Amino acid sequence: MTTDTPRSIVTYVHRPKRPPRKDAQAAAITGPAIVTAKSKRTLPDMPPEEHKQRGDAADALFRGLVRQATGKR
C-alpha cells in the first residue's frame, strides 16, 4: 500500500550524560588545630604629624587617580 503524503524524517542523536564529579578527599591535618602568629607586625615609629601628612598625600593621590579614570578635570 503506497501513500502520496511525504513522511517526516526523524533523527535522534544520543548524548550521554557526563559522569558525576568526584569530590576531593579531605586531607588529614598533621599539625595543631589552632595556629597562632609567631610575632606581631611592627609598625614604624612615626609622629602624628607625619602620619597625618602621609594620609593626606594618599587621599590626594587617590582623588587624582579617580579624576583621571572618570575624565573629570
PDB file of N, CA and C in Angstrom:
ATOM      1  N   MET A   1       0.839  -1.166   0.000  1.00  0.00           N
ATOM      2  CA  MET A   1       0.000   0.000   0.000  1.00  0.00           C
ATOM      3  C   MET A   1       0.890   1.239   0.000  1.00  0.00           C
ATOM      4  N   THR A   2       0.727   2.097  -0.909  1.00  0.00           N
ATOM      5  CA  THR A   2       1.524   3.307  -1.016  1.00  0.00           C
ATOM      6  C   THR A   2       0.653   4.511  -0.731  1.00  0.00           C
ATOM      7  N   THR A   3       1.298   5.526  -0.154  1.00  0.00           N
ATOM      8  CA  THR A   3       0.569   6.767   0.109  1.00  0.00           C
ATOM      9  C   THR A   3       1.278   7.893  -0.600  1.00  0.00           C
ATOM     10  N   ASP A   4       0.578   8.932  -0.892  1.00  0.00           N
ATOM     11  CA  ASP A   4       1.143  10.077  -1.594  1.00  0.00           C
ATOM     12  C   ASP A   4       1.650  11.146  -0.643  1.00  0.00           C
ATOM     13  N   THR A   5       1.431  10.991   0.664  1.00  0.00           N
ATOM     14  CA  THR A   5       1.888  12.011   1.606  1.00  0.00           C
ATOM     15  C   THR A   5       3.335  11.726   2.022  1.00  0.00           C
ATOM     16  N   PRO A   6       4.177  12.745   2.038  1.00  0.00           N
ATOM     17  CA  PRO A   6       5.572  12.501   2.436  1.00  0.00           C
ATOM     18  C   PRO A   6       5.661  12.232   3.934  1.00  0.00           C
ATOM     19  N   ARG A   7       6.595  11.437   4.297  1.00  0.00           N
ATOM     20  CA  ARG A   7       6.807  11.126   5.707  1.00  0.00           C
ATOM     21  C   ARG A   7       7.900  12.025   6.258  1.00  0.00           C
ATOM     22  N   SER A   8       7.777  12.353   7.516  1.00  0.00           N
ATOM     23  CA  SER A   8       8.787  13.200   8.129  1.00  0.00           C
ATOM     24  C   SER A   8      10.011  12.368   8.495  1.00  0.00           C
ATOM     25  N   ILE A   9      11.163  12.995   8.434  1.00  0.00           N
ATOM     26  CA  ILE A   9      12.405  12.307   8.763  1.00  0.00           C
ATOM     27  C   ILE A   9      12.676  12.537  10.246  1.00  0.00           C
ATOM     28  N   VAL A  10      12.890  11.490  10.983  1.00  0.00           N
ATOM     29  CA  VAL A  10      13.134  11.572  12.414  1.00  0.00           C
ATOM     30  C   VAL A  10      14.581  11.186  12.658  1.00  0.00           C
ATOM     31  N   THR A  11      15.317  12.091  13.325  1.00  0.00           N
ATOM     32  CA  THR A  11      16.700  11.773  13.678  1.00  0.00           C
ATOM     33  C   THR A  11      16.839  11.877  15.184  1.00  0.00           C
ATOM     34  N   TYR A  12      17.755  11.096  15.722  1.00  0.00           N
ATOM     35  CA  TYR A  12      17.970  11.098  17.159  1.00  0.00           C
ATOM     36  C   TYR A  12      19.457  10.922  17.403  1.00  0.00           C
ATOM     37  N   VAL A  13      20.022  11.823  18.137  1.00  0.00           N
ATOM     38  CA  VAL A  13      21.439  11.740  18.481  1.00  0.00           C
ATOM     39  C   VAL A  13      21.534  11.544  19.980  1.00  0.00           C
ATOM     40  N   HIS A  14      22.105  10.433  20.384  1.00  0.00           N
ATOM     41  CA  HIS A  14      22.219  10.129  21.806  1.00  0.00           C
ATOM     42  C   HIS A  14      23.455  10.811  22.361  1.00  0.00           C
ATOM     43  N   ARG A  15      23.281  11.652  23.358  1.00  0.00           N
ATOM     44  CA  ARG A  15      24.403  12.300  24.026  1.00  0.00           C
ATOM     45  C   ARG A  15      24.397  11.854  25.472  1.00  0.00           C
ATOM     46  N   PRO A  16      25.324  10.995  25.850  1.00  0.00           N
ATOM     47  CA  PRO A  16      25.320  10.505  27.230  1.00  0.00           C
ATOM     48  C   PRO A  16      25.672  11.603  28.220  1.00  0.00           C
ATOM     49  N   LYS A  17      25.134  11.485  29.415  1.00  0.00           N
ATOM     50  CA  LYS A  17      25.443  12.445  30.473  1.00  0.00           C
ATOM     51  C   LYS A  17      26.866  12.253  30.923  1.00  0.00           C
ATOM     52  N   ARG A  18      27.481  13.346  31.378  1.00  0.00           N
ATOM     53  CA  ARG A  18      28.814  13.251  31.938  1.00  0.00           C
ATOM     54  C   ARG A  18      28.723  12.545  33.284  1.00  0.00           C
ATOM     55  N   PRO A  19      29.761  11.800  33.642  1.00  0.00           N
ATOM     56  CA  PRO A  19      29.727  11.151  34.956  1.00  0.00           C
ATOM     57  C   PRO A  19      29.790  12.208  36.062  1.00  0.00           C
ATOM     58  N   PRO A  20      29.239  11.926  37.237  1.00  0.00           N
ATOM     59  CA  PRO A  20      29.271  12.909  38.330  1.00  0.00           C
ATOM     60  C   PRO A  20      30.702  13.194  38.761  1.00  0.00           C
ATOM     61  N   ARG A  21      30.939  14.433  39.181  1.00  0.00           N
ATOM     62  CA  ARG A  21      32.267  14.834  39.621  1.00  0.00           C
ATOM     63  C   ARG A  21      32.638  14.128  40.900  1.00  0.00           C
ATOM     64  N   LYS A  22      33.873  13.739  40.968  1.00  0.00           N
ATOM     65  CA  LYS A  22      34.358  13.102  42.184  1.00  0.00           C
ATOM     66  C   LYS A  22      34.914  14.197  43.081  1.00  0.00           C
ATOM     67  N   ASP A  23      34.396  14.294  44.279  1.00  0.00           N
ATOM     68  CA  ASP A  23      34.866  15.294  45.214  1.00  0.00           C
ATOM     69  C   ASP A  23      36.240  14.905  45.730  1.00  0.00           C
ATOM     70  N   ALA A  24      37.052  15.917  45.994  1.00  0.00           N
ATOM     71  CA  ALA A  24      38.390  15.659  46.516  1.00  0.00           C
ATOM     72  C   ALA A  24      38.281  15.128  47.941  1.00  0.00           C
ATOM     73  N   GLN A  25      39.127  14.221  48.243  1.00  0.00           N
ATOM     74  CA  GLN A  25      39.129  13.653  49.582  1.00  0.00           C
ATOM     75  C   GLN A  25      39.754  14.656  50.546  1.00  0.00           C
ATOM     76  N   ALA A  26      39.198  14.767  51.727  1.00  0.00           N
ATOM     77  CA  ALA A  26      39.720  15.682  52.729  1.00  0.00           C
ATOM     78  C   ALA A  26      41.051  15.150  53.248  1.00  0.00           C
ATOM     79  N   ALA A  27      42.031  16.045  53.324  1.00  0.00           N
ATOM     80  CA  ALA A  27      43.347  15.650  53.823  1.00  0.00           C
ATOM     81  C   ALA A  27      43.346  15.756  55.343  1.00  0.00           C
ATOM     82  N   ALA A  28      44.065  14.865  55.960  1.00  0.00           N
ATOM     83  CA  ALA A  28      44.160  14.888  57.418  1.00  0.00           C
ATOM     84  C   ALA A  28      45.073  16.032  57.855  1.00  0.00           C
ATOM     85  N   ILE A  29      44.715  16.693  58.946  1.00  0.00           N
ATOM     86  CA  ILE A  29      45.525  17.781  59.482  1.00  0.00           C
ATOM     87  C   ILE A  29      46.651  17.166  60.300  1.00  0.00           C
ATOM     88  N   THR A  30      47.880  17.536  59.942  1.00  0.00           N
ATOM     89  CA  THR A  30      49.023  16.923  60.615  1.00  0.00           C
ATOM     90  C   THR A  30      49.564  17.777  61.748  1.00  0.00           C
ATOM     91  N   GLY A  31      49.102  18.993  61.894  1.00  0.00           N
ATOM     92  CA  GLY A  31      49.614  19.885  62.932  1.00  0.00           C
ATOM     93  C   GLY A  31      48.543  20.205  63.954  1.00  0.00           C
ATOM     94  N   PRO A  32      48.822  21.152  64.818  1.00  0.00           N
ATOM     95  CA  PRO A  32      47.821  21.547  65.808  1.00  0.00           C
ATOM     96  C   PRO A  32      46.623  22.220  65.136  1.00  0.00           C
ATOM     97  N   ALA A  33      45.476  22.113  65.762  1.00  0.00           N
ATOM     98  CA  ALA A  33      44.259  22.672  65.184  1.00  0.00           C
ATOM     99  C   ALA A  33      44.239  24.192  65.274  1.00  0.00           C
ATOM    100  N   ILE A  34      44.846  24.769  66.298  1.00  0.00           N
ATOM    101  CA  ILE A  34      44.869  26.221  66.481  1.00  0.00           C
ATOM    102  C   ILE A  34      46.273  26.715  66.176  1.00  0.00           C
ATOM    103  N   VAL A  35      46.358  27.655  65.242  1.00  0.00           N
ATOM    104  CA  VAL A  35      47.652  28.198  64.860  1.00  0.00           C
ATOM    105  C   VAL A  35      47.674  29.670  65.235  1.00  0.00           C
ATOM    106  N   THR A  36      48.719  30.091  65.904  1.00  0.00           N
ATOM    107  CA  THR A  36      48.867  31.497  66.281  1.00  0.00           C
ATOM    108  C   THR A  36      50.079  32.077  65.574  1.00  0.00           C
ATOM    109  N   ALA A  37      50.077  33.379  65.383  1.00  0.00           N
ATOM    110  CA  ALA A  37      51.200  34.044  64.735  1.00  0.00           C
ATOM    111  C   ALA A  37      52.405  34.032  65.664  1.00  0.00           C
ATOM    112  N   LYS A  38      53.585  33.881  65.068  1.00  0.00           N
ATOM    113  CA  LYS A  38      54.791  33.828  65.874  1.00  0.00           C
ATOM    114  C   LYS A  38      55.173  35.209  66.401  1.00  0.00           C
ATOM    115  N   SER A  39      55.023  36.219  65.559  1.00  0.00           N
ATOM    116  CA  SER A  39      55.369  37.570  66.008  1.00  0.00           C
ATOM    117  C   SER A  39      54.368  38.561  65.421  1.00  0.00           C
ATOM    118  N   LYS A  40      54.170  39.617  66.119  1.00  0.00           N
ATOM    119  CA  LYS A  40      53.266  40.665  65.643  1.00  0.00           C
ATOM    120  C   LYS A  40      54.018  41.533  64.641  1.00  0.00           C
ATOM    121  N   ARG A  41      53.296  42.133  63.728  1.00  0.00           N
ATOM    122  CA  ARG A  41      53.893  43.030  62.756  1.00  0.00           C
ATOM    123  C   ARG A  41      54.272  44.318  63.467  1.00  0.00           C
ATOM    124  N   THR A  42      55.499  44.792  63.275  1.00  0.00           N
ATOM    125  CA  THR A  42      55.954  46.036  63.932  1.00  0.00           C
ATOM    126  C   THR A  42      55.729  47.215  63.006  1.00  0.00           C
ATOM    127  N   LEU A  43      55.069  48.238  63.494  1.00  0.00           N
ATOM    128  CA  LEU A  43      54.817  49.447  62.727  1.00  0.00           C
ATOM    129  C   LEU A  43      55.961  50.436  62.945  1.00  0.00           C
ATOM    130  N   PRO A  44      56.279  51.238  61.919  1.00  0.00           N
ATOM    131  CA  PRO A  44      57.358  52.206  62.093  1.00  0.00           C
ATOM    132  C   PRO A  44      56.946  53.292  63.086  1.00  0.00           C
ATOM    133  N   ASP A  45      57.911  53.724  63.878  1.00  0.00           N
ATOM    134  CA  ASP A  45      57.652  54.822  64.807  1.00  0.00           C
ATOM    135  C   ASP A  45      57.552  56.110  63.997  1.00  0.00           C
ATOM    136  N   MET A  46      56.447  56.798  64.160  1.00  0.00           N
ATOM    137  CA  MET A  46      56.207  57.987  63.354  1.00  0.00           C
ATOM    138  C   MET A  46      55.388  58.970  64.186  1.00  0.00           C
ATOM    139  N   PRO A  47      55.773  60.226  64.164  1.00  0.00           N
ATOM    140  CA  PRO A  47      54.995  61.222  64.908  1.00  0.00           C
ATOM    141  C   PRO A  47      53.618  61.420  64.263  1.00  0.00           C
ATOM    142  N   PRO A  48      52.663  61.885  65.031  1.00  0.00           N
ATOM    143  CA  PRO A  48      51.302  62.068  64.498  1.00  0.00           C
ATOM    144  C   PRO A  48      51.238  63.005  63.295  1.00  0.00           C
ATOM    145  N   GLU A  49      52.112  64.020  63.259  1.00  0.00           N
ATOM    146  CA  GLU A  49      52.087  64.978  62.138  1.00  0.00           C
ATOM    147  C   GLU A  49      52.459  64.271  60.832  1.00  0.00           C
ATOM    148  N   GLU A  50      53.501  63.434  60.886  1.00  0.00           N
ATOM    149  CA  GLU A  50      53.913  62.725  59.672  1.00  0.00           C
ATOM    150  C   GLU A  50      52.834  61.730  59.249  1.00  0.00           C
ATOM    151  N   HIS A  51      52.200  61.109  60.209  1.00  0.00           N
ATOM    152  CA  HIS A  51      51.117  60.168  59.910  1.00  0.00           C
ATOM    153  C   HIS A  51      49.992  60.881  59.186  1.00  0.00           C
ATOM    154  N   LYS A  52      49.638  62.073  59.650  1.00  0.00           N
ATOM    155  CA  LYS A  52      48.576  62.859  59.009  1.00  0.00           C
ATOM    156  C   LYS A  52      48.998  63.288  57.610  1.00  0.00           C
ATOM    157  N   GLN A  53      50.256  63.703  57.441  1.00  0.00           N
ATOM    158  CA  GLN A  53      50.741  64.116  56.131  1.00  0.00           C
ATOM    159  C   GLN A  53      50.684  62.958  55.137  1.00  0.00           C
ATOM    160  N   ARG A  54      51.096  61.781  55.582  1.00  0.00           N
ATOM    161  CA  ARG A  54      51.050  60.618  54.687  1.00  0.00           C
ATOM    162  C   ARG A  54      49.617  60.263  54.320  1.00  0.00           C
ATOM    163  N   GLY A  55      48.711  60.366  55.275  1.00  0.00           N
ATOM    164  CA  GLY A  55      47.302  60.092  54.987  1.00  0.00           C
ATOM    165  C   GLY A  55      46.723  61.075  53.993  1.00  0.00           C
ATOM    166  N   ASP A  56      47.063  62.369  54.175  1.00  0.00           N
ATOM    167  CA  ASP A  56      46.583  63.398  53.242  1.00  0.00           C
ATOM    168  C   ASP A  56      47.152  63.170  51.845  1.00  0.00           C
ATOM    169  N   ALA A  57      48.437  62.786  51.759  1.00  0.00           N
ATOM    170  CA  ALA A  57      49.050  62.528  50.463  1.00  0.00           C
ATOM    171  C   ALA A  57      48.381  61.327  49.777  1.00  0.00           C
ATOM    172  N   ALA A  58      48.071  60.308  50.541  1.00  0.00           N
ATOM    173  CA  ALA A  58      47.399  59.139  49.973  1.00  0.00           C
ATOM    174  C   ALA A  58      46.005  59.503  49.466  1.00  0.00           C
ATOM    175  N   ASP A  59      45.280  60.329  50.222  1.00  0.00           N
ATOM    176  CA  ASP A  59      43.951  60.779  49.780  1.00  0.00           C
ATOM    177  C   ASP A  59      44.047  61.573  48.485  1.00  0.00           C
ATOM    178  N   ALA A  60      45.022  62.472  48.405  1.00  0.00           N
ATOM    179  CA  ALA A  60      45.189  63.293  47.205  1.00  0.00           C
ATOM    180  C   ALA A  60      45.546  62.421  46.006  1.00  0.00           C
ATOM    181  N   LEU A  61      46.407  61.443  46.213  1.00  0.00           N
ATOM    182  CA  LEU A  61      46.778  60.543  45.131  1.00  0.00           C
ATOM    183  C   LEU A  61      45.564  59.761  44.636  1.00  0.00           C
ATOM    184  N   PHE A  62      44.758  59.258  45.561  1.00  0.00           N
ATOM    185  CA  PHE A  62      43.571  58.500  45.171  1.00  0.00           C
ATOM    186  C   PHE A  62      42.585  59.384  44.420  1.00  0.00           C
ATOM    187  N   ARG A  63      42.370  60.613  44.900  1.00  0.00           N
ATOM    188  CA  ARG A  63      41.460  61.524  44.198  1.00  0.00           C
ATOM    189  C   ARG A  63      41.952  61.806  42.788  1.00  0.00           C
ATOM    190  N   GLY A  64      43.269  61.957  42.626  1.00  0.00           N
ATOM    191  CA  GLY A  64      43.836  62.189  41.297  1.00  0.00           C
ATOM    192  C   GLY A  64      43.609  60.997  40.375  1.00  0.00           C
ATOM    193  N   LEU A  65      43.767  59.790  40.900  1.00  0.00           N
ATOM    194  CA  LEU A  65      43.532  58.598  40.081  1.00  0.00           C
ATOM    195  C   LEU A  65      42.070  58.495  39.662  1.00  0.00           C
ATOM    196  N   VAL A  66      41.161  58.800  40.590  1.00  0.00           N
ATOM    197  CA  VAL A  66      39.732  58.758  40.268  1.00  0.00           C
ATOM    198  C   VAL A  66      39.407  59.816  39.227  1.00  0.00           C
ATOM    199  N   ARG A  67      39.994  60.986  39.369  1.00  0.00           N
ATOM    200  CA  ARG A  67      39.753  62.067  38.420  1.00  0.00           C
ATOM    201  C   ARG A  67      40.225  61.662  37.027  1.00  0.00           C
ATOM    202  N   GLN A  68      41.389  61.010  36.922  1.00  0.00           N
ATOM    203  CA  GLN A  68      41.892  60.571  35.616  1.00  0.00           C
ATOM    204  C   GLN A  68      40.999  59.470  35.023  1.00  0.00           C
ATOM    205  N   ALA A  69      40.544  58.570  35.859  1.00  0.00           N
ATOM    206  CA  ALA A  69      39.739  57.452  35.366  1.00  0.00           C
ATOM    207  C   ALA A  69      38.372  57.907  34.888  1.00  0.00           C
ATOM    208  N   THR A  70      37.796  58.888  35.554  1.00  0.00           N
ATOM    209  CA  THR A  70      36.461  59.340  35.172  1.00  0.00           C
ATOM    210  C   THR A  70      36.500  60.440  34.126  1.00  0.00           C
ATOM    211  N   GLY A  71      37.664  60.985  33.856  1.00  0.00           N
ATOM    212  CA  GLY A  71      37.780  62.013  32.827  1.00  0.00           C
ATOM    213  C   GLY A  71      37.426  63.404  33.318  1.00  0.00           C
ATOM    214  N   LYS A  72      37.235  63.554  34.613  1.00  0.00           N
ATOM    215  CA  LYS A  72      36.929  64.879  35.156  1.00  0.00           C
ATOM    216  C   LYS A  72      38.221  65.648  35.368  1.00  0.00           C
ATOM    217  N   ARG A  73      38.131  66.957  35.315  1.00  0.00           N
ATOM    218  CA  ARG A  73      39.330  67.783  35.496  1.00  0.00           C
ATOM    219  C   ARG A  73      39.237  68.588  36.745  1.00  0.00           C
TER     220      ARG A  73
END
